[in-house]
Amino acid sequence: MLKKRTVEVNFEGGEITSDGGAMLLRQADKHIGLSKAVAQALEDNRRQASCKHDNLALLRQRVYALACGYEDLNDHQPLRHDLTIPSAVECEEVLASRSTLCRRENQRIDKQPGMFIK
């Protein structure tokens, strides 16, 4: 059970996905805590009152989609309504749009002590 969703594996057809590996990636990520550590290290200077998606959800959405082969931000438009990536991200609502992800990726990141930016 993933929050309010039941994740089930069967071989009978129905609603299917080729992105089931995202759930395995989610488990590995939670075990080592990589996305959580990266999200905490990245400064999020958006106006929080206007944000539907937190920094961790945005990061996981992008990384899990990249791992599933969705390189382009345009791929996120259909993915945000799919059940697999939102389940892996642990988001019960629709995921962030491609424009939200684009703004986040292009947000200015100031060099912080201990961070190496080329």
PDB file of N, CA and C in Angstrom:
ATOM      1  N   MET A   1       0.854  -1.168   0.000  1.00  0.00           N
ATOM      2  CA  MET A   1       0.000   0.000   0.000  1.00  0.00           C
ATOM      3  C   MET A   1       0.901   1.234   0.000  1.00  0.00           C
ATOM      4  N   LEU A   2       0.670   2.116  -0.911  1.00  0.00           N
ATOM      5  CA  LEU A   2       1.444   3.346  -1.035  1.00  0.00           C
ATOM      6  C   LEU A   2       0.502   4.499  -0.749  1.00  0.00           C
ATOM      7  N   LYS A   3       0.566   4.991   0.471  1.00  0.00           N
ATOM      8  CA  LYS A   3      -0.388   5.982   0.964  1.00  0.00           C
ATOM      9  C   LYS A   3      -1.788   5.429   0.708  1.00  0.00           C
ATOM     10  N   LYS A   4      -2.543   6.002  -0.233  1.00  0.00           N
ATOM     11  CA  LYS A   4      -3.899   5.521  -0.487  1.00  0.00           C
ATOM     12  C   LYS A   4      -3.981   4.603  -1.704  1.00  0.00           C
ATOM     13  N   ARG A   5      -2.867   4.332  -2.358  1.00  0.00           N
ATOM     14  CA  ARG A   5      -2.865   3.481  -3.548  1.00  0.00           C
ATOM     15  C   ARG A   5      -2.372   2.090  -3.211  1.00  0.00           C
ATOM     16  N   THR A   6      -3.001   1.115  -3.782  1.00  0.00           N
ATOM     17  CA  THR A   6      -2.519  -0.247  -3.687  1.00  0.00           C
ATOM     18  C   THR A   6      -1.730  -0.542  -4.950  1.00  0.00           C
ATOM     19  N   VAL A   7      -0.488  -0.928  -4.798  1.00  0.00           N
ATOM     20  CA  VAL A   7       0.353  -1.271  -5.940  1.00  0.00           C
ATOM     21  C   VAL A   7       0.334  -2.785  -6.071  1.00  0.00           C
ATOM     22  N   GLU A   8      -0.067  -3.248  -7.229  1.00  0.00           N
ATOM     23  CA  GLU A   8      -0.255  -4.676  -7.446  1.00  0.00           C
ATOM     24  C   GLU A   8       0.477  -5.104  -8.715  1.00  0.00           C
ATOM     25  N   VAL A   9       1.085  -6.266  -8.658  1.00  0.00           N
ATOM     26  CA  VAL A   9       1.753  -6.812  -9.828  1.00  0.00           C
ATOM     27  C   VAL A   9       0.997  -8.055 -10.257  1.00  0.00           C
ATOM     28  N   ASN A  10       0.582  -8.087 -11.525  1.00  0.00           N
ATOM     29  CA  ASN A  10      -0.027  -9.299 -12.076  1.00  0.00           C
ATOM     30  C   ASN A  10       0.271  -9.345 -13.565  1.00  0.00           C
ATOM     31  N   PHE A  11      -0.056 -10.419 -14.176  1.00  0.00           N
ATOM     32  CA  PHE A  11       0.249 -10.600 -15.595  1.00  0.00           C
ATOM     33  C   PHE A  11      -1.025 -10.821 -16.401  1.00  0.00           C
ATOM     34  N   GLU A  12      -2.110 -10.192 -15.982  1.00  0.00           N
ATOM     35  CA  GLU A  12      -3.397 -10.368 -16.629  1.00  0.00           C
ATOM     36  C   GLU A  12      -3.768  -9.222 -17.563  1.00  0.00           C
ATOM     37  N   GLY A  13      -2.938  -8.211 -17.704  1.00  0.00           N
ATOM     38  CA  GLY A  13      -3.261  -7.086 -18.572  1.00  0.00           C
ATOM     39  C   GLY A  13      -3.945  -5.988 -17.792  1.00  0.00           C
ATOM     40  N   GLY A  14      -4.911  -5.345 -18.395  1.00  0.00           N
ATOM     41  CA  GLY A  14      -5.577  -4.228 -17.731  1.00  0.00           C
ATOM     42  C   GLY A  14      -4.738  -2.978 -17.854  1.00  0.00           C
ATOM     43  N   GLU A  15      -4.743  -2.136 -16.833  1.00  0.00           N
ATOM     44  CA  GLU A  15      -3.904  -0.938 -16.846  1.00  0.00           C
ATOM     45  C   GLU A  15      -2.467  -1.371 -16.615  1.00  0.00           C
ATOM     46  N   ILE A  16      -1.634  -1.196 -17.634  1.00  0.00           N
ATOM     47  CA  ILE A  16      -0.245  -1.654 -17.547  1.00  0.00           C
ATOM     48  C   ILE A  16       0.707  -0.486 -17.758  1.00  0.00           C
ATOM     49  N   THR A  17       1.946  -0.701 -17.381  1.00  0.00           N
ATOM     50  CA  THR A  17       2.989   0.306 -17.561  1.00  0.00           C
ATOM     51  C   THR A  17       4.298  -0.387 -17.889  1.00  0.00           C
ATOM     52  N   SER A  18       5.123   0.302 -18.621  1.00  0.00           N
ATOM     53  CA  SER A  18       6.477  -0.208 -18.884  1.00  0.00           C
ATOM     54  C   SER A  18       7.477   0.448 -17.940  1.00  0.00           C
ATOM     55  N   ASP A  19       6.981   1.254 -17.012  1.00  0.00           N
ATOM     56  CA  ASP A  19       7.839   2.009 -16.094  1.00  0.00           C
ATOM     57  C   ASP A  19       7.845   1.441 -14.686  1.00  0.00           C
ATOM     58  N   GLY A  20       7.601   0.154 -14.540  1.00  0.00           N
ATOM     59  CA  GLY A  20       7.566  -0.468 -13.223  1.00  0.00           C
ATOM     60  C   GLY A  20       8.881  -0.371 -12.473  1.00  0.00           C
ATOM     61  N   GLY A  21       9.976  -0.196 -13.199  1.00  0.00           N
ATOM     62  CA  GLY A  21      11.285  -0.055 -12.566  1.00  0.00           C
ATOM     63  C   GLY A  21      11.370   1.170 -11.672  1.00  0.00           C
ATOM     64  N   ALA A  22      10.484   2.135 -11.881  1.00  0.00           N
ATOM     65  CA  ALA A  22      10.484   3.338 -11.046  1.00  0.00           C
ATOM     66  C   ALA A  22      10.188   2.981  -9.594  1.00  0.00           C
ATOM     67  N   MET A  23       9.382   1.957  -9.381  1.00  0.00           N
ATOM     68  CA  MET A  23       9.067   1.546  -8.010  1.00  0.00           C
ATOM     69  C   MET A  23      10.291   0.917  -7.336  1.00  0.00           C
ATOM     70  N   LEU A  24      11.078   0.176  -8.099  1.00  0.00           N
ATOM     71  CA  LEU A  24      12.327  -0.390  -7.557  1.00  0.00           C
ATOM     72  C   LEU A  24      13.325   0.725  -7.263  1.00  0.00           C
ATOM     73  N   LEU A  25      13.393   1.689  -8.169  1.00  0.00           N
ATOM     74  CA  LEU A  25      14.273   2.838  -7.967  1.00  0.00           C
ATOM     75  C   LEU A  25      13.863   3.596  -6.700  1.00  0.00           C
ATOM     76  N   ARG A  26      12.564   3.758  -6.504  1.00  0.00           N
ATOM     77  CA  ARG A  26      12.059   4.432  -5.314  1.00  0.00           C
ATOM     78  C   ARG A  26      12.525   3.734  -4.044  1.00  0.00           C
ATOM     79  N   GLN A  27      12.442   2.405  -4.032  1.00  0.00           N
ATOM     80  CA  GLN A  27      12.856   1.644  -2.850  1.00  0.00           C
ATOM     81  C   GLN A  27      14.352   1.805  -2.588  1.00  0.00           C
ATOM     82  N   ALA A  28      15.145   1.723  -3.651  1.00  0.00           N
ATOM     83  CA  ALA A  28      16.595   1.895  -3.499  1.00  0.00           C
ATOM     84  C   ALA A  28      16.920   3.310  -3.027  1.00  0.00           C
ATOM     85  N   ASP A  29      16.250   4.294  -3.604  1.00  0.00           N
ATOM     86  CA  ASP A  29      16.465   5.689  -3.228  1.00  0.00           C
ATOM     87  C   ASP A  29      16.093   5.918  -1.761  1.00  0.00           C
ATOM     88  N   LYS A  30      14.972   5.375  -1.338  1.00  0.00           N
ATOM     89  CA  LYS A  30      14.574   5.534   0.063  1.00  0.00           C
ATOM     90  C   LYS A  30      15.572   4.847   1.001  1.00  0.00           C
ATOM     91  N   HIS A  31      16.097   3.721   0.560  1.00  0.00           N
ATOM     92  CA  HIS A  31      17.058   2.975   1.391  1.00  0.00           C
ATOM     93  C   HIS A  31      18.345   3.769   1.614  1.00  0.00           C
ATOM     94  N   ILE A  32      18.863   4.365   0.540  1.00  0.00           N
ATOM     95  CA  ILE A  32      20.123   5.110   0.689  1.00  0.00           C
ATOM     96  C   ILE A  32      19.898   6.589   0.994  1.00  0.00           C
ATOM     97  N   GLY A  33      18.694   7.087   0.737  1.00  0.00           N
ATOM     98  CA  GLY A  33      18.362   8.476   1.067  1.00  0.00           C
ATOM     99  C   GLY A  33      18.998   9.517   0.169  1.00  0.00           C
ATOM    100  N   LEU A  34      19.327   9.151  -1.059  1.00  0.00           N
ATOM    101  CA  LEU A  34      20.036  10.076  -1.945  1.00  0.00           C
ATOM    102  C   LEU A  34      19.194  11.288  -2.329  1.00  0.00           C
ATOM    103  N   SER A  35      17.985  11.081  -2.836  1.00  0.00           N
ATOM    104  CA  SER A  35      17.192  12.233  -3.281  1.00  0.00           C
ATOM    105  C   SER A  35      16.849  13.161  -2.115  1.00  0.00           C
ATOM    106  N   LYS A  36      16.619  12.588  -0.961  1.00  0.00           N
ATOM    107  CA  LYS A  36      16.305  13.409   0.217  1.00  0.00           C
ATOM    108  C   LYS A  36      17.496  14.287   0.588  1.00  0.00           C
ATOM    109  N   ALA A  37      18.699  13.715   0.551  1.00  0.00           N
ATOM    110  CA  ALA A  37      19.909  14.474   0.875  1.00  0.00           C
ATOM    111  C   ALA A  37      20.166  15.570  -0.157  1.00  0.00           C
ATOM    112  N   VAL A  38      19.967  15.259  -1.423  1.00  0.00           N
ATOM    113  CA  VAL A  38      20.184  16.258  -2.481  1.00  0.00           C
ATOM    114  C   VAL A  38      19.158  17.375  -2.354  1.00  0.00           C
ATOM    115  N   ALA A  39      17.885  17.033  -2.120  1.00  0.00           N
ATOM    116  CA  ALA A  39      16.837  18.049  -1.980  1.00  0.00           C
ATOM    117  C   ALA A  39      17.130  18.977  -0.810  1.00  0.00           C
ATOM    118  N   GLN A  40      17.662  18.438   0.273  1.00  0.00           N
ATOM    119  CA  GLN A  40      17.993  19.266   1.433  1.00  0.00           C
ATOM    120  C   GLN A  40      19.181  20.178   1.146  1.00  0.00           C
ATOM    121  N   ALA A  41      20.078  19.744   0.273  1.00  0.00           N
ATOM    122  CA  ALA A  41      21.259  20.543  -0.053  1.00  0.00           C
ATOM    123  C   ALA A  41      20.947  21.663  -1.044  1.00  0.00           C
ATOM    124  N   LEU A  42      19.881  21.488  -1.838  1.00  0.00           N
ATOM    125  CA  LEU A  42      19.518  22.507  -2.821  1.00  0.00           C
ATOM    126  C   LEU A  42      18.634  23.571  -2.180  1.00  0.00           C
ATOM    127  N   GLU A  43      19.023  24.796  -2.355  1.00  0.00           N
ATOM    128  CA  GLU A  43      18.240  25.899  -1.808  1.00  0.00           C
ATOM    129  C   GLU A  43      16.944  26.046  -2.600  1.00  0.00           C
ATOM    130  N   ASP A  44      15.855  26.219  -1.912  1.00  0.00           N
ATOM    131  CA  ASP A  44      14.553  26.403  -2.559  1.00  0.00           C
ATOM    132  C   ASP A  44      14.027  27.764  -2.155  1.00  0.00           C
ATOM    133  N   ASN A  45      14.284  28.769  -2.995  1.00  0.00           N
ATOM    134  CA  ASN A  45      13.881  30.125  -2.645  1.00  0.00           C
ATOM    135  C   ASN A  45      12.604  30.548  -3.384  1.00  0.00           C
ATOM    136  N   ARG A  46      11.747  29.565  -3.684  1.00  0.00           N
ATOM    137  CA  ARG A  46      10.432  29.878  -4.241  1.00  0.00           C
ATOM    138  C   ARG A  46       9.527  30.378  -3.112  1.00  0.00           C
ATOM    139  N   ARG A  47       8.491  31.103  -3.455  1.00  0.00           N
ATOM    140  CA  ARG A  47       7.523  31.540  -2.451  1.00  0.00           C
ATOM    141  C   ARG A  47       6.675  30.322  -2.079  1.00  0.00           C
ATOM    142  N   GLN A  48       6.944  29.739  -0.919  1.00  0.00           N
ATOM    143  CA  GLN A  48       6.361  28.460  -0.516  1.00  0.00           C
ATOM    144  C   GLN A  48       4.838  28.460  -0.485  1.00  0.00           C
ATOM    145  N   ALA A  49       4.229  29.581  -0.182  1.00  0.00           N
ATOM    146  CA  ALA A  49       2.763  29.662  -0.117  1.00  0.00           C
ATOM    147  C   ALA A  49       2.126  29.405  -1.478  1.00  0.00           C
ATOM    148  N   SER A  50       2.891  29.629  -2.547  1.00  0.00           N
ATOM    149  CA  SER A  50       2.369  29.443  -3.900  1.00  0.00           C
ATOM    150  C   SER A  50       2.756  28.096  -4.502  1.00  0.00           C
ATOM    151  N   CYS A  51       3.471  27.273  -3.770  1.00  0.00           N
ATOM    152  CA  CYS A  51       3.999  26.027  -4.311  1.00  0.00           C
ATOM    153  C   CYS A  51       3.103  24.842  -3.969  1.00  0.00           C
ATOM    154  N   LYS A  52       2.752  24.059  -4.986  1.00  0.00           N
ATOM    155  CA  LYS A  52       1.985  22.833  -4.767  1.00  0.00           C
ATOM    156  C   LYS A  52       2.915  21.649  -4.501  1.00  0.00           C
ATOM    157  N   HIS A  53       4.117  21.708  -5.061  1.00  0.00           N
ATOM    158  CA  HIS A  53       5.049  20.585  -5.000  1.00  0.00           C
ATOM    159  C   HIS A  53       6.320  20.998  -4.271  1.00  0.00           C
ATOM    160  N   ASP A  54       6.719  20.199  -3.303  1.00  0.00           N
ATOM    161  CA  ASP A  54       7.931  20.531  -2.568  1.00  0.00           C
ATOM    162  C   ASP A  54       9.169  20.150  -3.386  1.00  0.00           C
ATOM    163  N   ASN A  55      10.302  20.617  -2.913  1.00  0.00           N
ATOM    164  CA  ASN A  55      11.578  20.414  -3.596  1.00  0.00           C
ATOM    165  C   ASN A  55      11.880  18.925  -3.799  1.00  0.00           C
ATOM    166  N   LEU A  56      11.609  18.113  -2.798  1.00  0.00           N
ATOM    167  CA  LEU A  56      11.874  16.679  -2.877  1.00  0.00           C
ATOM    168  C   LEU A  56      11.014  16.016  -3.948  1.00  0.00           C
ATOM    169  N   ALA A  57       9.750  16.364  -4.019  1.00  0.00           N
ATOM    170  CA  ALA A  57       8.863  15.777  -5.029  1.00  0.00           C
ATOM    171  C   ALA A  57       9.307  16.159  -6.441  1.00  0.00           C
ATOM    172  N   LEU A  58       9.705  17.418  -6.628  1.00  0.00           N
ATOM    173  CA  LEU A  58      10.178  17.858  -7.945  1.00  0.00           C
ATOM    174  C   LEU A  58      11.447  17.103  -8.351  1.00  0.00           C
ATOM    175  N   LEU A  59      12.359  16.978  -7.413  1.00  0.00           N
ATOM    176  CA  LEU A  59      13.605  16.273  -7.693  1.00  0.00           C
ATOM    177  C   LEU A  59      13.348  14.811  -8.025  1.00  0.00           C
ATOM    178  N   ARG A  60      12.539  14.142  -7.213  1.00  0.00           N
ATOM    179  CA  ARG A  60      12.229  12.736  -7.471  1.00  0.00           C
ATOM    180  C   ARG A  60      11.504  12.555  -8.800  1.00  0.00           C
ATOM    181  N   GLN A  61      10.568  13.436  -9.095  1.00  0.00           N
ATOM    182  CA  GLN A  61       9.846  13.336 -10.361  1.00  0.00           C
ATOM    183  C   GLN A  61      10.816  13.374 -11.535  1.00  0.00           C
ATOM    184  N   ARG A  62      11.726  14.309 -11.494  1.00  0.00           N
ATOM    185  CA  ARG A  62      12.670  14.474 -12.610  1.00  0.00           C
ATOM    186  C   ARG A  62      13.662  13.307 -12.689  1.00  0.00           C
ATOM    187  N   VAL A  63      14.217  12.919 -11.552  1.00  0.00           N
ATOM    188  CA  VAL A  63      15.225  11.849 -11.535  1.00  0.00           C
ATOM    189  C   VAL A  63      14.612  10.507 -11.914  1.00  0.00           C
ATOM    190  N   TYR A  64      13.454  10.172 -11.361  1.00  0.00           N
ATOM    191  CA  TYR A  64      12.826   8.889 -11.683  1.00  0.00           C
ATOM    192  C   TYR A  64      12.426   8.834 -13.153  1.00  0.00           C
ATOM    193  N   ALA A  65      11.924   9.945 -13.691  1.00  0.00           N
ATOM    194  CA  ALA A  65      11.567   9.977 -15.111  1.00  0.00           C
ATOM    195  C   ALA A  65      12.819   9.829 -15.983  1.00  0.00           C
ATOM    196  N   LEU A  66      13.899  10.504 -15.604  1.00  0.00           N
ATOM    197  CA  LEU A  66      15.157  10.347 -16.352  1.00  0.00           C
ATOM    198  C   LEU A  66      15.628   8.897 -16.342  1.00  0.00           C
ATOM    199  N   ALA A  67      15.535   8.252 -15.194  1.00  0.00           N
ATOM    200  CA  ALA A  67      15.956   6.859 -15.069  1.00  0.00           C
ATOM    201  C   ALA A  67      15.097   5.928 -15.927  1.00  0.00           C
ATOM    202  N   CYS A  68      13.854   6.323 -16.173  1.00  0.00           N
ATOM    203  CA  CYS A  68      12.953   5.521 -17.019  1.00  0.00           C
ATOM    204  C   CYS A  68      13.090   5.875 -18.496  1.00  0.00           C
ATOM    205  N   GLY A  69      14.001   6.805 -18.813  1.00  0.00           N
ATOM    206  CA  GLY A  69      14.269   7.140 -20.212  1.00  0.00           C
ATOM    207  C   GLY A  69      13.538   8.361 -20.731  1.00  0.00           C
ATOM    208  N   TYR A  70      12.900   9.119 -19.853  1.00  0.00           N
ATOM    209  CA  TYR A  70      12.181  10.324 -20.268  1.00  0.00           C
ATOM    210  C   TYR A  70      13.073  11.529 -20.045  1.00  0.00           C
ATOM    211  N   GLU A  71      13.884  11.853 -21.058  1.00  0.00           N
ATOM    212  CA  GLU A  71      14.877  12.920 -20.933  1.00  0.00           C
ATOM    213  C   GLU A  71      14.275  14.308 -21.085  1.00  0.00           C
ATOM    214  N   ASP A  72      13.292  14.433 -21.952  1.00  0.00           N
ATOM    215  CA  ASP A  72      12.745  15.729 -22.293  1.00  0.00           C
ATOM    216  C   ASP A  72      11.664  16.149 -21.302  1.00  0.00           C
ATOM    217  N   LEU A  73      11.627  17.412 -20.965  1.00  0.00           N
ATOM    218  CA  LEU A  73      10.595  17.899 -20.047  1.00  0.00           C
ATOM    219  C   LEU A  73       9.197  17.753 -20.636  1.00  0.00           C
ATOM    220  N   ASN A  74       9.087  17.756 -21.969  1.00  0.00           N
ATOM    221  CA  ASN A  74       7.778  17.556 -22.601  1.00  0.00           C
ATOM    222  C   ASN A  74       7.201  16.187 -22.263  1.00  0.00           C
ATOM    223  N   ASP A  75       8.053  15.213 -21.952  1.00  0.00           N
ATOM    224  CA  ASP A  75       7.584  13.879 -21.577  1.00  0.00           C
ATOM    225  C   ASP A  75       6.796  13.897 -20.278  1.00  0.00           C
ATOM    226  N   HIS A  76       6.987  14.924 -19.477  1.00  0.00           N
ATOM    227  CA  HIS A  76       6.330  14.975 -18.176  1.00  0.00           C
ATOM    228  C   HIS A  76       4.844  15.297 -18.276  1.00  0.00           C
ATOM    229  N   GLN A  77       4.413  15.843 -19.409  1.00  0.00           N
ATOM    230  CA  GLN A  77       2.997  16.176 -19.530  1.00  0.00           C
ATOM    231  C   GLN A  77       2.122  14.924 -19.418  1.00  0.00           C
ATOM    232  N   PRO A  78       2.370  13.864 -20.200  1.00  0.00           N
ATOM    233  CA  PRO A  78       1.556  12.652 -20.008  1.00  0.00           C
ATOM    234  C   PRO A  78       1.929  11.892 -18.730  1.00  0.00           C
ATOM    235  N   LEU A  79       3.202  11.948 -18.324  1.00  0.00           N
ATOM    236  CA  LEU A  79       3.638  11.217 -17.131  1.00  0.00           C
ATOM    237  C   LEU A  79       2.976  11.716 -15.857  1.00  0.00           C
ATOM    238  N   ARG A  80       2.649  12.984 -15.812  1.00  0.00           N
ATOM    239  CA  ARG A  80       2.094  13.537 -14.575  1.00  0.00           C
ATOM    240  C   ARG A  80       0.719  12.974 -14.267  1.00  0.00           C
ATOM    241  N   HIS A  81       0.052  12.395 -15.274  1.00  0.00           N
ATOM    242  CA  HIS A  81      -1.267  11.801 -15.067  1.00  0.00           C
ATOM    243  C   HIS A  81      -1.196  10.276 -14.986  1.00  0.00           C
ATOM    244  N   ASP A  82      -0.043   9.713 -15.253  1.00  0.00           N
ATOM    245  CA  ASP A  82       0.177   8.278 -15.160  1.00  0.00           C
ATOM    246  C   ASP A  82       0.177   7.892 -13.686  1.00  0.00           C
ATOM    247  N   LEU A  83       0.024   6.630 -13.370  1.00  0.00           N
ATOM    248  CA  LEU A  83       0.032   6.240 -11.957  1.00  0.00           C
ATOM    249  C   LEU A  83       1.402   5.817 -11.446  1.00  0.00           C
ATOM    250  N   THR A  84       2.291   5.389 -12.330  1.00  0.00           N
ATOM    251  CA  THR A  84       3.557   4.823 -11.879  1.00  0.00           C
ATOM    252  C   THR A  84       4.500   5.867 -11.285  1.00  0.00           C
ATOM    253  N   ILE A  85       4.819   6.911 -12.042  1.00  0.00           N
ATOM    254  CA  ILE A  85       5.757   7.917 -11.555  1.00  0.00           C
ATOM    255  C   ILE A  85       5.183   8.645 -10.329  1.00  0.00           C
ATOM    256  N   PRO A  86       3.902   9.076 -10.337  1.00  0.00           N
ATOM    257  CA  PRO A  86       3.373   9.700  -9.119  1.00  0.00           C
ATOM    258  C   PRO A  86       3.421   8.763  -7.900  1.00  0.00           C
ATOM    259  N   SER A  87       3.206   7.475  -8.120  1.00  0.00           N
ATOM    260  CA  SER A  87       3.287   6.525  -7.001  1.00  0.00           C
ATOM    261  C   SER A  87       4.713   6.433  -6.487  1.00  0.00           C
ATOM    262  N   ALA A  88       5.677   6.411  -7.397  1.00  0.00           N
ATOM    263  CA  ALA A  88       7.084   6.343  -6.994  1.00  0.00           C
ATOM    264  C   ALA A  88       7.497   7.609  -6.250  1.00  0.00           C
ATOM    265  N   VAL A  89       6.969   8.751  -6.693  1.00  0.00           N
ATOM    266  CA  VAL A  89       7.289  10.031  -6.069  1.00  0.00           C
ATOM    267  C   VAL A  89       6.530  10.197  -4.748  1.00  0.00           C
ATOM    268  N   GLU A  90       5.541   9.339  -4.530  1.00  0.00           N
ATOM    269  CA  GLU A  90       4.664   9.391  -3.353  1.00  0.00           C
ATOM    270  C   GLU A  90       3.797  10.637  -3.369  1.00  0.00           C
ATOM    271  N   CYS A  91       3.268  10.941  -4.541  1.00  0.00           N
ATOM    272  CA  CYS A  91       2.404  12.090  -4.734  1.00  0.00           C
ATOM    273  C   CYS A  91       1.003  11.588  -5.054  1.00  0.00           C
ATOM    274  N   GLU A  92       0.037  11.989  -4.250  1.00  0.00           N
ATOM    275  CA  GLU A  92      -1.333  11.544  -4.464  1.00  0.00           C
ATOM    276  C   GLU A  92      -2.056  12.405  -5.486  1.00  0.00           C
ATOM    277  N   GLU A  93      -1.523  13.563  -5.793  1.00  0.00           N
ATOM    278  CA  GLU A  93      -2.139  14.458  -6.758  1.00  0.00           C
ATOM    279  C   GLU A  93      -1.356  14.387  -8.066  1.00  0.00           C
ATOM    280  N   VAL A  94      -1.789  15.167  -9.033  1.00  0.00           N
ATOM    281  CA  VAL A  94      -1.093  15.254 -10.310  1.00  0.00           C
ATOM    282  C   VAL A  94       0.297  15.824 -10.068  1.00  0.00           C
ATOM    283  N   LEU A  95       1.289  15.287 -10.760  1.00  0.00           N
ATOM    284  CA  LEU A  95       2.668  15.761 -10.609  1.00  0.00           C
ATOM    285  C   LEU A  95       2.840  17.154 -11.198  1.00  0.00           C
ATOM    286  N   ALA A  96       4.003  17.717 -10.989  1.00  0.00           N
ATOM    287  CA  ALA A  96       4.326  19.054 -11.493  1.00  0.00           C
ATOM    288  C   ALA A  96       4.332  19.057 -13.016  1.00  0.00           C
ATOM    289  N   SER A  97       3.967  20.206 -13.570  1.00  0.00           N
ATOM    290  CA  SER A  97       3.960  20.357 -15.022  1.00  0.00           C
ATOM    291  C   SER A  97       5.382  20.539 -15.545  1.00  0.00           C
ATOM    292  N   ARG A  98       5.507  20.427 -16.843  1.00  0.00           N
ATOM    293  CA  ARG A  98       6.838  20.611 -17.450  1.00  0.00           C
ATOM    294  C   ARG A  98       7.339  22.029 -17.220  1.00  0.00           C
ATOM    295  N   SER A  99       6.439  23.022 -17.201  1.00  0.00           N
ATOM    296  CA  SER A  99       6.903  24.395 -16.978  1.00  0.00           C
ATOM    297  C   SER A  99       7.375  24.609 -15.543  1.00  0.00           C
ATOM    298  N   THR A 100       6.727  23.955 -14.587  1.00  0.00           N
ATOM    299  CA  THR A 100       7.188  24.048 -13.193  1.00  0.00           C
ATOM    300  C   THR A 100       8.573  23.431 -13.069  1.00  0.00           C
ATOM    301  N   LEU A 101       8.771  22.262 -13.680  1.00  0.00           N
ATOM    302  CA  LEU A 101      10.080  21.608 -13.643  1.00  0.00           C
ATOM    303  C   LEU A 101      11.141  22.460 -14.341  1.00  0.00           C
ATOM    304  N   CYS A 102      10.764  23.066 -15.451  1.00  0.00           N
ATOM    305  CA  CYS A 102      11.709  23.916 -16.190  1.00  0.00           C
ATOM    306  C   CYS A 102      12.132  25.113 -15.346  1.00  0.00           C
ATOM    307  N   ARG A 103      11.163  25.763 -14.705  1.00  0.00           N
ATOM    308  CA  ARG A 103      11.511  26.913 -13.844  1.00  0.00           C
ATOM    309  C   ARG A 103      12.431  26.477 -12.716  1.00  0.00           C
ATOM    310  N   ARG A 104      12.163  25.319 -12.139  1.00  0.00           N
ATOM    311  CA  ARG A 104      12.992  24.826 -11.029  1.00  0.00           C
ATOM    312  C   ARG A 104      14.405  24.510 -11.506  1.00  0.00           C
ATOM    313  N   GLU A 105      14.519  23.886 -12.673  1.00  0.00           N
ATOM    314  CA  GLU A 105      15.844  23.541 -13.191  1.00  0.00           C
ATOM    315  C   GLU A 105      16.649  24.768 -13.573  1.00  0.00           C
ATOM    316  N   ASN A 106      15.979  25.811 -14.010  1.00  0.00           N
ATOM    317  CA  ASN A 106      16.680  27.016 -14.452  1.00  0.00           C
ATOM    318  C   ASN A 106      16.806  28.068 -13.369  1.00  0.00           C
ATOM    319  N   GLN A 107      16.343  27.746 -12.174  1.00  0.00           N
ATOM    320  CA  GLN A 107      16.440  28.683 -11.059  1.00  0.00           C
ATOM    321  C   GLN A 107      17.907  28.917 -10.725  1.00  0.00           C
ATOM    322  N   ARG A 108      18.221  30.141 -10.414  1.00  0.00           N
ATOM    323  CA  ARG A 108      19.598  30.492 -10.078  1.00  0.00           C
ATOM    324  C   ARG A 108      20.022  29.775  -8.798  1.00  0.00           C
ATOM    325  N   ILE A 109      21.172  29.172  -8.851  1.00  0.00           N
ATOM    326  CA  ILE A 109      21.736  28.513  -7.676  1.00  0.00           C
ATOM    327  C   ILE A 109      23.015  29.249  -7.322  1.00  0.00           C
ATOM    328  N   ASP A 110      23.010  29.892  -6.182  1.00  0.00           N
ATOM    329  CA  ASP A 110      24.211  30.570  -5.713  1.00  0.00           C
ATOM    330  C   ASP A 110      25.160  29.538  -5.135  1.00  0.00           C
ATOM    331  N   LYS A 111      26.422  29.802  -5.298  1.00  0.00           N
ATOM    332  CA  LYS A 111      27.425  28.900  -4.752  1.00  0.00           C
ATOM    333  C   LYS A 111      27.353  28.942  -3.225  1.00  0.00           C
ATOM    334  N   GLN A 112      27.119  27.808  -2.630  1.00  0.00           N
ATOM    335  CA  GLN A 112      27.046  27.715  -1.180  1.00  0.00           C
ATOM    336  C   GLN A 112      28.355  27.129  -0.643  1.00  0.00           C
ATOM    337  N   PRO A 113      28.709  27.453   0.569  1.00  0.00           N
ATOM    338  CA  PRO A 113      29.939  26.891   1.139  1.00  0.00           C
ATOM    339  C   PRO A 113      29.895  25.365   1.082  1.00  0.00           C
ATOM    340  N   GLY A 114      30.964  24.788   0.619  1.00  0.00           N
ATOM    341  CA  GLY A 114      31.057  23.331   0.563  1.00  0.00           C
ATOM    342  C   GLY A 114      30.502  22.733  -0.721  1.00  0.00           C
ATOM    343  N   MET A 115      29.925  23.566  -1.598  1.00  0.00           N
ATOM    344  CA  MET A 115      29.387  23.061  -2.861  1.00  0.00           C
ATOM    345  C   MET A 115      30.321  23.450  -3.984  1.00  0.00           C
ATOM    346  N   PHE A 116      30.540  22.568  -4.906  1.00  0.00           N
ATOM    347  CA  PHE A 116      31.422  22.805  -6.045  1.00  0.00           C
ATOM    348  C   PHE A 116      30.576  22.941  -7.295  1.00  0.00           C
ATOM    349  N   ILE A 117      30.568  24.121  -7.909  1.00  0.00           N
ATOM    350  CA  ILE A 117      29.806  24.359  -9.123  1.00  0.00           C
ATOM    351  C   ILE A 117      30.765  24.798 -10.201  1.00  0.00           C
ATOM    352  N   LYS A 118      30.726  24.119 -11.332  1.00  0.00           N
ATOM    353  CA  LYS A 118      31.613  24.480 -12.450  1.00  0.00           C
ATOM    354  C   LYS A 118      31.072  25.664 -13.197  1.00  0.00           C
TER     355      LYS A 118
END
